[in-house]
Amino acid sequence: MGRGRAKAKQTKVARQLKYGGPQTDFDRLQAEIGSGESHVAEPLETDVDVVDDPYADDPYAKYYDEDEEAESG
């Protein structure tokens, strides 16, 4: 017992969030979007170190199953 008041408050808050929601300031949003400033991100670095597969030349690699090792280990 004694849960009625807490449950009622939770229900009230849930209804406010569901149906009320936060109020959006559209004037501020429009000023932010239409400010004329260009926000261009710097290009990402294209030099990426490629790591070769150390097991590429292993003749038994095709027989290795990762799933079987995960189950037994």
PDB file of N, CA and C in Angstrom:
ATOM      1  N   MET A   1       0.834  -1.181   0.000  1.00  0.00           N
ATOM      2  CA  MET A   1       0.000   0.000   0.000  1.00  0.00           C
ATOM      3  C   MET A   1       0.878   1.243   0.000  1.00  0.00           C
ATOM      4  N   GLY A   2       0.247   2.370  -0.199  1.00  0.00           N
ATOM      5  CA  GLY A   2       0.986   3.609  -0.197  1.00  0.00           C
ATOM      6  C   GLY A   2       1.626   3.942  -1.532  1.00  0.00           C
ATOM      7  N   ARG A   3       1.282   3.193  -2.544  1.00  0.00           N
ATOM      8  CA  ARG A   3       1.858   3.423  -3.859  1.00  0.00           C
ATOM      9  C   ARG A   3       0.986   4.309  -4.719  1.00  0.00           C
ATOM     10  N   GLY A   4      -0.209   4.592  -4.266  1.00  0.00           N
ATOM     11  CA  GLY A   4      -1.172   5.346  -5.076  1.00  0.00           C
ATOM     12  C   GLY A   4      -0.698   6.734  -5.435  1.00  0.00           C
ATOM     13  N   ARG A   5      -0.144   7.452  -4.448  1.00  0.00           N
ATOM     14  CA  ARG A   5       0.291   8.829  -4.699  1.00  0.00           C
ATOM     15  C   ARG A   5       1.477   8.857  -5.670  1.00  0.00           C
ATOM     16  N   ALA A   6       2.420   7.958  -5.500  1.00  0.00           N
ATOM     17  CA  ALA A   6       3.587   7.908  -6.381  1.00  0.00           C
ATOM     18  C   ALA A   6       3.180   7.521  -7.805  1.00  0.00           C
ATOM     19  N   LYS A   7       2.283   6.552  -7.908  1.00  0.00           N
ATOM     20  CA  LYS A   7       1.825   6.122  -9.229  1.00  0.00           C
ATOM     21  C   LYS A   7       1.053   7.233  -9.925  1.00  0.00           C
ATOM     22  N   ALA A   8       0.253   7.967  -9.180  1.00  0.00           N
ATOM     23  CA  ALA A   8      -0.500   9.078  -9.761  1.00  0.00           C
ATOM     24  C   ALA A   8       0.444  10.156 -10.283  1.00  0.00           C
ATOM     25  N   LYS A   9       1.515  10.431  -9.538  1.00  0.00           N
ATOM     26  CA  LYS A   9       2.479  11.435  -9.981  1.00  0.00           C
ATOM     27  C   LYS A   9       3.203  10.966 -11.239  1.00  0.00           C
ATOM     28  N   GLN A  10       3.590   9.686 -11.282  1.00  0.00           N
ATOM     29  CA  GLN A  10       4.248   9.151 -12.471  1.00  0.00           C
ATOM     30  C   GLN A  10       3.335   9.234 -13.684  1.00  0.00           C
ATOM     31  N   THR A  11       2.056   8.925 -13.481  1.00  0.00           N
ATOM     32  CA  THR A  11       1.090   8.989 -14.571  1.00  0.00           C
ATOM     33  C   THR A  11       0.943  10.415 -15.066  1.00  0.00           C
ATOM     34  N   LYS A  12       0.891  11.369 -14.134  1.00  0.00           N
ATOM     35  CA  LYS A  12       0.753  12.776 -14.492  1.00  0.00           C
ATOM     36  C   LYS A  12       1.958  13.245 -15.303  1.00  0.00           C
ATOM     37  N   VAL A  13       3.154  12.894 -14.856  1.00  0.00           N
ATOM     38  CA  VAL A  13       4.373  13.295 -15.560  1.00  0.00           C
ATOM     39  C   VAL A  13       4.430  12.645 -16.941  1.00  0.00           C
ATOM     40  N   ALA A  14       4.039  11.383 -17.032  1.00  0.00           N
ATOM     41  CA  ALA A  14       4.051  10.683 -18.318  1.00  0.00           C
ATOM     42  C   ALA A  14       3.087  11.336 -19.299  1.00  0.00           C
ATOM     43  N   ARG A  15       1.913  11.734 -18.824  1.00  0.00           N
ATOM     44  CA  ARG A  15       0.942  12.407 -19.694  1.00  0.00           C
ATOM     45  C   ARG A  15       1.469  13.759 -20.165  1.00  0.00           C
ATOM     46  N   GLN A  16       2.118  14.489 -19.267  1.00  0.00           N
ATOM     47  CA  GLN A  16       2.667  15.792 -19.648  1.00  0.00           C
ATOM     48  C   GLN A  16       3.730  15.627 -20.730  1.00  0.00           C
ATOM     49  N   LEU A  17       4.571  14.614 -20.583  1.00  0.00           N
ATOM     50  CA  LEU A  17       5.613  14.387 -21.580  1.00  0.00           C
ATOM     51  C   LEU A  17       5.028  13.916 -22.913  1.00  0.00           C
ATOM     52  N   LYS A  18       4.009  13.064 -22.833  1.00  0.00           N
ATOM     53  CA  LYS A  18       3.431  12.502 -24.046  1.00  0.00           C
ATOM     54  C   LYS A  18       2.642  13.537 -24.830  1.00  0.00           C
ATOM     55  N   TYR A  19       1.815  14.286 -24.161  1.00  0.00           N
ATOM     56  CA  TYR A  19       0.912  15.193 -24.857  1.00  0.00           C
ATOM     57  C   TYR A  19       1.395  16.635 -24.870  1.00  0.00           C
ATOM     58  N   GLY A  20       2.163  17.048 -23.879  1.00  0.00           N
ATOM     59  CA  GLY A  20       2.616  18.435 -23.818  1.00  0.00           C
ATOM     60  C   GLY A  20       3.889  18.622 -24.604  1.00  0.00           C
ATOM     61  N   GLY A  21       4.905  17.921 -24.201  1.00  0.00           N
ATOM     62  CA  GLY A  21       6.185  18.009 -24.878  1.00  0.00           C
ATOM     63  C   GLY A  21       6.840  19.356 -24.656  1.00  0.00           C
ATOM     64  N   PRO A  22       8.082  19.461 -25.003  1.00  0.00           N
ATOM     65  CA  PRO A  22       8.786  20.728 -24.837  1.00  0.00           C
ATOM     66  C   PRO A  22       8.305  21.742 -25.876  1.00  0.00           C
ATOM     67  N   GLN A  23       8.320  22.998 -25.505  1.00  0.00           N
ATOM     68  CA  GLN A  23       7.918  24.050 -26.423  1.00  0.00           C
ATOM     69  C   GLN A  23       9.119  24.465 -27.252  1.00  0.00           C
ATOM     70  N   THR A  24       8.933  24.538 -28.572  1.00  0.00           N
ATOM     71  CA  THR A  24      10.018  24.876 -29.481  1.00  0.00           C
ATOM     72  C   THR A  24       9.974  26.366 -29.795  1.00  0.00           C
ATOM     73  N   ASP A  25      11.117  27.014 -29.683  1.00  0.00           N
ATOM     74  CA  ASP A  25      11.237  28.430 -30.020  1.00  0.00           C
ATOM     75  C   ASP A  25      11.604  28.518 -31.498  1.00  0.00           C
ATOM     76  N   PHE A  26      10.583  28.663 -32.342  1.00  0.00           N
ATOM     77  CA  PHE A  26      10.800  28.636 -33.786  1.00  0.00           C
ATOM     78  C   PHE A  26      11.563  29.859 -34.279  1.00  0.00           C
ATOM     79  N   ASP A  27      11.378  31.014 -33.627  1.00  0.00           N
ATOM     80  CA  ASP A  27      12.112  32.213 -34.035  1.00  0.00           C
ATOM     81  C   ASP A  27      13.615  32.016 -33.832  1.00  0.00           C
ATOM     82  N   ARG A  28      13.977  31.457 -32.699  1.00  0.00           N
ATOM     83  CA  ARG A  28      15.393  31.208 -32.422  1.00  0.00           C
ATOM     84  C   ARG A  28      15.951  30.167 -33.393  1.00  0.00           C
ATOM     85  N   LEU A  29      15.152  29.139 -33.687  1.00  0.00           N
ATOM     86  CA  LEU A  29      15.576  28.105 -34.622  1.00  0.00           C
ATOM     87  C   LEU A  29      15.789  28.682 -36.015  1.00  0.00           C
ATOM     88  N   GLN A  30      14.875  29.543 -36.452  1.00  0.00           N
ATOM     89  CA  GLN A  30      15.003  30.151 -37.769  1.00  0.00           C
ATOM     90  C   GLN A  30      16.229  31.055 -37.833  1.00  0.00           C
ATOM     91  N   ALA A  31      16.482  31.789 -36.766  1.00  0.00           N
ATOM     92  CA  ALA A  31      17.662  32.651 -36.736  1.00  0.00           C
ATOM     93  C   ALA A  31      18.940  31.823 -36.780  1.00  0.00           C
ATOM     94  N   GLU A  32      18.916  30.678 -36.118  1.00  0.00           N
ATOM     95  CA  GLU A  32      20.091  29.813 -36.091  1.00  0.00           C
ATOM     96  C   GLU A  32      20.336  29.170 -37.452  1.00  0.00           C
ATOM     97  N   ILE A  33      19.276  28.732 -38.109  1.00  0.00           N
ATOM     98  CA  ILE A  33      19.414  28.062 -39.402  1.00  0.00           C
ATOM     99  C   ILE A  33      19.694  29.060 -40.522  1.00  0.00           C
ATOM    100  N   GLY A  34      18.963  30.147 -40.532  1.00  0.00           N
ATOM    101  CA  GLY A  34      19.081  31.114 -41.617  1.00  0.00           C
ATOM    102  C   GLY A  34      20.050  32.227 -41.333  1.00  0.00           C
ATOM    103  N   SER A  35      21.046  31.989 -40.510  1.00  0.00           N
ATOM    104  CA  SER A  35      21.970  33.051 -40.143  1.00  0.00           C
ATOM    105  C   SER A  35      22.929  33.401 -41.275  1.00  0.00           C
ATOM    106  N   GLY A  36      23.025  32.555 -42.289  1.00  0.00           N
ATOM    107  CA  GLY A  36      23.898  32.832 -43.411  1.00  0.00           C
ATOM    108  C   GLY A  36      25.316  32.353 -43.190  1.00  0.00           C
ATOM    109  N   GLU A  37      25.615  31.861 -42.020  1.00  0.00           N
ATOM    110  CA  GLU A  37      26.945  31.353 -41.749  1.00  0.00           C
ATOM    111  C   GLU A  37      27.084  29.958 -42.350  1.00  0.00           C
ATOM    112  N   SER A  38      28.211  29.724 -42.936  1.00  0.00           N
ATOM    113  CA  SER A  38      28.456  28.419 -43.528  1.00  0.00           C
ATOM    114  C   SER A  38      29.283  27.590 -42.555  1.00  0.00           C
ATOM    115  N   HIS A  39      28.753  26.466 -42.152  1.00  0.00           N
ATOM    116  CA  HIS A  39      29.454  25.571 -41.240  1.00  0.00           C
ATOM    117  C   HIS A  39      29.974  24.389 -42.042  1.00  0.00           C
ATOM    118  N   VAL A  40      31.181  24.531 -42.551  1.00  0.00           N
ATOM    119  CA  VAL A  40      31.780  23.471 -43.352  1.00  0.00           C
ATOM    120  C   VAL A  40      32.810  22.755 -42.489  1.00  0.00           C
ATOM    121  N   ALA A  41      32.663  21.476 -42.378  1.00  0.00           N
ATOM    122  CA  ALA A  41      33.595  20.687 -41.587  1.00  0.00           C
ATOM    123  C   ALA A  41      34.887  20.501 -42.366  1.00  0.00           C
ATOM    124  N   GLU A  42      35.974  20.364 -41.622  1.00  0.00           N
ATOM    125  CA  GLU A  42      37.258  20.113 -42.262  1.00  0.00           C
ATOM    126  C   GLU A  42      37.247  18.701 -42.860  1.00  0.00           C
ATOM    127  N   PRO A  43      37.894  18.519 -44.001  1.00  0.00           N
ATOM    128  CA  PRO A  43      37.910  17.179 -44.597  1.00  0.00           C
ATOM    129  C   PRO A  43      38.643  16.190 -43.693  1.00  0.00           C
ATOM    130  N   LEU A  44      38.186  14.975 -43.720  1.00  0.00           N
ATOM    131  CA  LEU A  44      38.806  13.931 -42.923  1.00  0.00           C
ATOM    132  C   LEU A  44      40.139  13.528 -43.527  1.00  0.00           C
ATOM    133  N   GLU A  45      41.011  13.047 -42.677  1.00  0.00           N
ATOM    134  CA  GLU A  45      42.313  12.596 -43.146  1.00  0.00           C
ATOM    135  C   GLU A  45      42.124  11.335 -43.982  1.00  0.00           C
ATOM    136  N   THR A  46      42.679  11.343 -45.174  1.00  0.00           N
ATOM    137  CA  THR A  46      42.496  10.200 -46.074  1.00  0.00           C
ATOM    138  C   THR A  46      43.624   9.194 -45.983  1.00  0.00           C
ATOM    139  N   ASP A  47      44.725   9.555 -45.325  1.00  0.00           N
ATOM    140  CA  ASP A  47      45.835   8.621 -45.178  1.00  0.00           C
ATOM    141  C   ASP A  47      45.529   7.652 -44.043  1.00  0.00           C
ATOM    142  N   VAL A  48      45.233   6.419 -44.397  1.00  0.00           N
ATOM    143  CA  VAL A  48      44.875   5.412 -43.416  1.00  0.00           C
ATOM    144  C   VAL A  48      45.879   4.273 -43.519  1.00  0.00           C
ATOM    145  N   ASP A  49      46.406   3.865 -42.382  1.00  0.00           N
ATOM    146  CA  ASP A  49      47.331   2.738 -42.379  1.00  0.00           C
ATOM    147  C   ASP A  49      46.538   1.443 -42.542  1.00  0.00           C
ATOM    148  N   VAL A  50      46.879   0.673 -43.552  1.00  0.00           N
ATOM    149  CA  VAL A  50      46.209  -0.595 -43.807  1.00  0.00           C
ATOM    150  C   VAL A  50      47.039  -1.691 -43.158  1.00  0.00           C
ATOM    151  N   VAL A  51      46.380  -2.453 -42.304  1.00  0.00           N
ATOM    152  CA  VAL A  51      47.066  -3.552 -41.630  1.00  0.00           C
ATOM    153  C   VAL A  51      46.791  -4.820 -42.415  1.00  0.00           C
ATOM    154  N   ASP A  52      47.877  -5.464 -42.828  1.00  0.00           N
ATOM    155  CA  ASP A  52      47.733  -6.706 -43.579  1.00  0.00           C
ATOM    156  C   ASP A  52      47.288  -7.827 -42.647  1.00  0.00           C
ATOM    157  N   ASP A  53      46.574  -8.784 -43.203  1.00  0.00           N
ATOM    158  CA  ASP A  53      46.114  -9.937 -42.449  1.00  0.00           C
ATOM    159  C   ASP A  53      47.305 -10.863 -42.210  1.00  0.00           C
ATOM    160  N   PRO A  54      47.676 -11.080 -40.925  1.00  0.00           N
ATOM    161  CA  PRO A  54      48.844 -11.923 -40.668  1.00  0.00           C
ATOM    162  C   PRO A  54      48.598 -13.392 -41.015  1.00  0.00           C
ATOM    163  N   TYR A  55      47.342 -13.776 -41.179  1.00  0.00           N
ATOM    164  CA  TYR A  55      47.023 -15.175 -41.462  1.00  0.00           C
ATOM    165  C   TYR A  55      46.628 -15.383 -42.924  1.00  0.00           C
ATOM    166  N   ALA A  56      46.892 -14.428 -43.768  1.00  0.00           N
ATOM    167  CA  ALA A  56      46.486 -14.530 -45.165  1.00  0.00           C
ATOM    168  C   ALA A  56      47.180 -15.683 -45.883  1.00  0.00           C
ATOM    169  N   ASP A  57      48.427 -15.973 -45.516  1.00  0.00           N
ATOM    170  CA  ASP A  57      49.141 -17.050 -46.205  1.00  0.00           C
ATOM    171  C   ASP A  57      49.109 -18.365 -45.431  1.00  0.00           C
ATOM    172  N   ASP A  58      48.294 -18.446 -44.395  1.00  0.00           N
ATOM    173  CA  ASP A  58      48.188 -19.666 -43.598  1.00  0.00           C
ATOM    174  C   ASP A  58      47.315 -20.677 -44.351  1.00  0.00           C
ATOM    175  N   PRO A  59      47.849 -21.854 -44.693  1.00  0.00           N
ATOM    176  CA  PRO A  59      47.057 -22.819 -45.454  1.00  0.00           C
ATOM    177  C   PRO A  59      45.924 -23.439 -44.626  1.00  0.00           C
ATOM    178  N   TYR A  60      46.005 -23.356 -43.298  1.00  0.00           N
ATOM    179  CA  TYR A  60      44.977 -23.965 -42.452  1.00  0.00           C
ATOM    180  C   TYR A  60      43.913 -22.960 -42.009  1.00  0.00           C
ATOM    181  N   ALA A  61      44.034 -21.719 -42.411  1.00  0.00           N
ATOM    182  CA  ALA A  61      43.097 -20.689 -41.992  1.00  0.00           C
ATOM    183  C   ALA A  61      41.680 -20.980 -42.480  1.00  0.00           C
ATOM    184  N   LYS A  62      41.559 -21.636 -43.631  1.00  0.00           N
ATOM    185  CA  LYS A  62      40.219 -21.911 -44.148  1.00  0.00           C
ATOM    186  C   LYS A  62      39.481 -22.965 -43.310  1.00  0.00           C
ATOM    187  N   TYR A  63      40.226 -23.742 -42.508  1.00  0.00           N
ATOM    188  CA  TYR A  63      39.598 -24.763 -41.674  1.00  0.00           C
ATOM    189  C   TYR A  63      39.219 -24.228 -40.294  1.00  0.00           C
ATOM    190  N   TYR A  64      39.669 -23.051 -39.964  1.00  0.00           N
ATOM    191  CA  TYR A  64      39.411 -22.465 -38.650  1.00  0.00           C
ATOM    192  C   TYR A  64      38.030 -21.832 -38.637  1.00  0.00           C
ATOM    193  N   ASP A  65      37.240 -22.169 -37.642  1.00  0.00           N
ATOM    194  CA  ASP A  65      35.904 -21.621 -37.504  1.00  0.00           C
ATOM    195  C   ASP A  65      35.839 -20.865 -36.179  1.00  0.00           C
ATOM    196  N   GLU A  66      35.628 -19.571 -36.236  1.00  0.00           N
ATOM    197  CA  GLU A  66      35.607 -18.745 -35.029  1.00  0.00           C
ATOM    198  C   GLU A  66      34.469 -19.122 -34.092  1.00  0.00           C
ATOM    199  N   ASP A  67      33.335 -19.554 -34.618  1.00  0.00           N
ATOM    200  CA  ASP A  67      32.186 -19.903 -33.805  1.00  0.00           C
ATOM    201  C   ASP A  67      32.490 -21.095 -32.900  1.00  0.00           C
ATOM    202  N   GLU A  68      33.213 -22.088 -33.429  1.00  0.00           N
ATOM    203  CA  GLU A  68      33.525 -23.275 -32.639  1.00  0.00           C
ATOM    204  C   GLU A  68      34.437 -22.925 -31.475  1.00  0.00           C
ATOM    205  N   GLU A  69      35.387 -22.014 -31.682  1.00  0.00           N
ATOM    206  CA  GLU A  69      36.294 -21.615 -30.614  1.00  0.00           C
ATOM    207  C   GLU A  69      35.537 -20.849 -29.540  1.00  0.00           C
ATOM    208  N   ALA A  70      34.597 -20.016 -29.924  1.00  0.00           N
ATOM    209  CA  ALA A  70      33.835 -19.229 -28.960  1.00  0.00           C
ATOM    210  C   ALA A  70      32.971 -20.142 -28.097  1.00  0.00           C
ATOM    211  N   GLU A  71      32.431 -21.207 -28.658  1.00  0.00           N
ATOM    212  CA  GLU A  71      31.592 -22.127 -27.892  1.00  0.00           C
ATOM    213  C   GLU A  71      32.399 -22.951 -26.912  1.00  0.00           C
ATOM    214  N   SER A  72      33.593 -23.372 -27.312  1.00  0.00           N
ATOM    215  CA  SER A  72      34.388 -24.233 -26.439  1.00  0.00           C
ATOM    216  C   SER A  72      35.185 -23.441 -25.416  1.00  0.00           C
ATOM    217  N   GLY A  73      35.427 -22.151 -25.654  1.00  0.00           N
ATOM    218  CA  GLY A  73      36.300 -21.373 -24.778  1.00  0.00           C
ATOM    219  C   GLY A  73      35.554 -20.599 -23.822  1.00  0.00           C
TER     220      GLY A  73
END
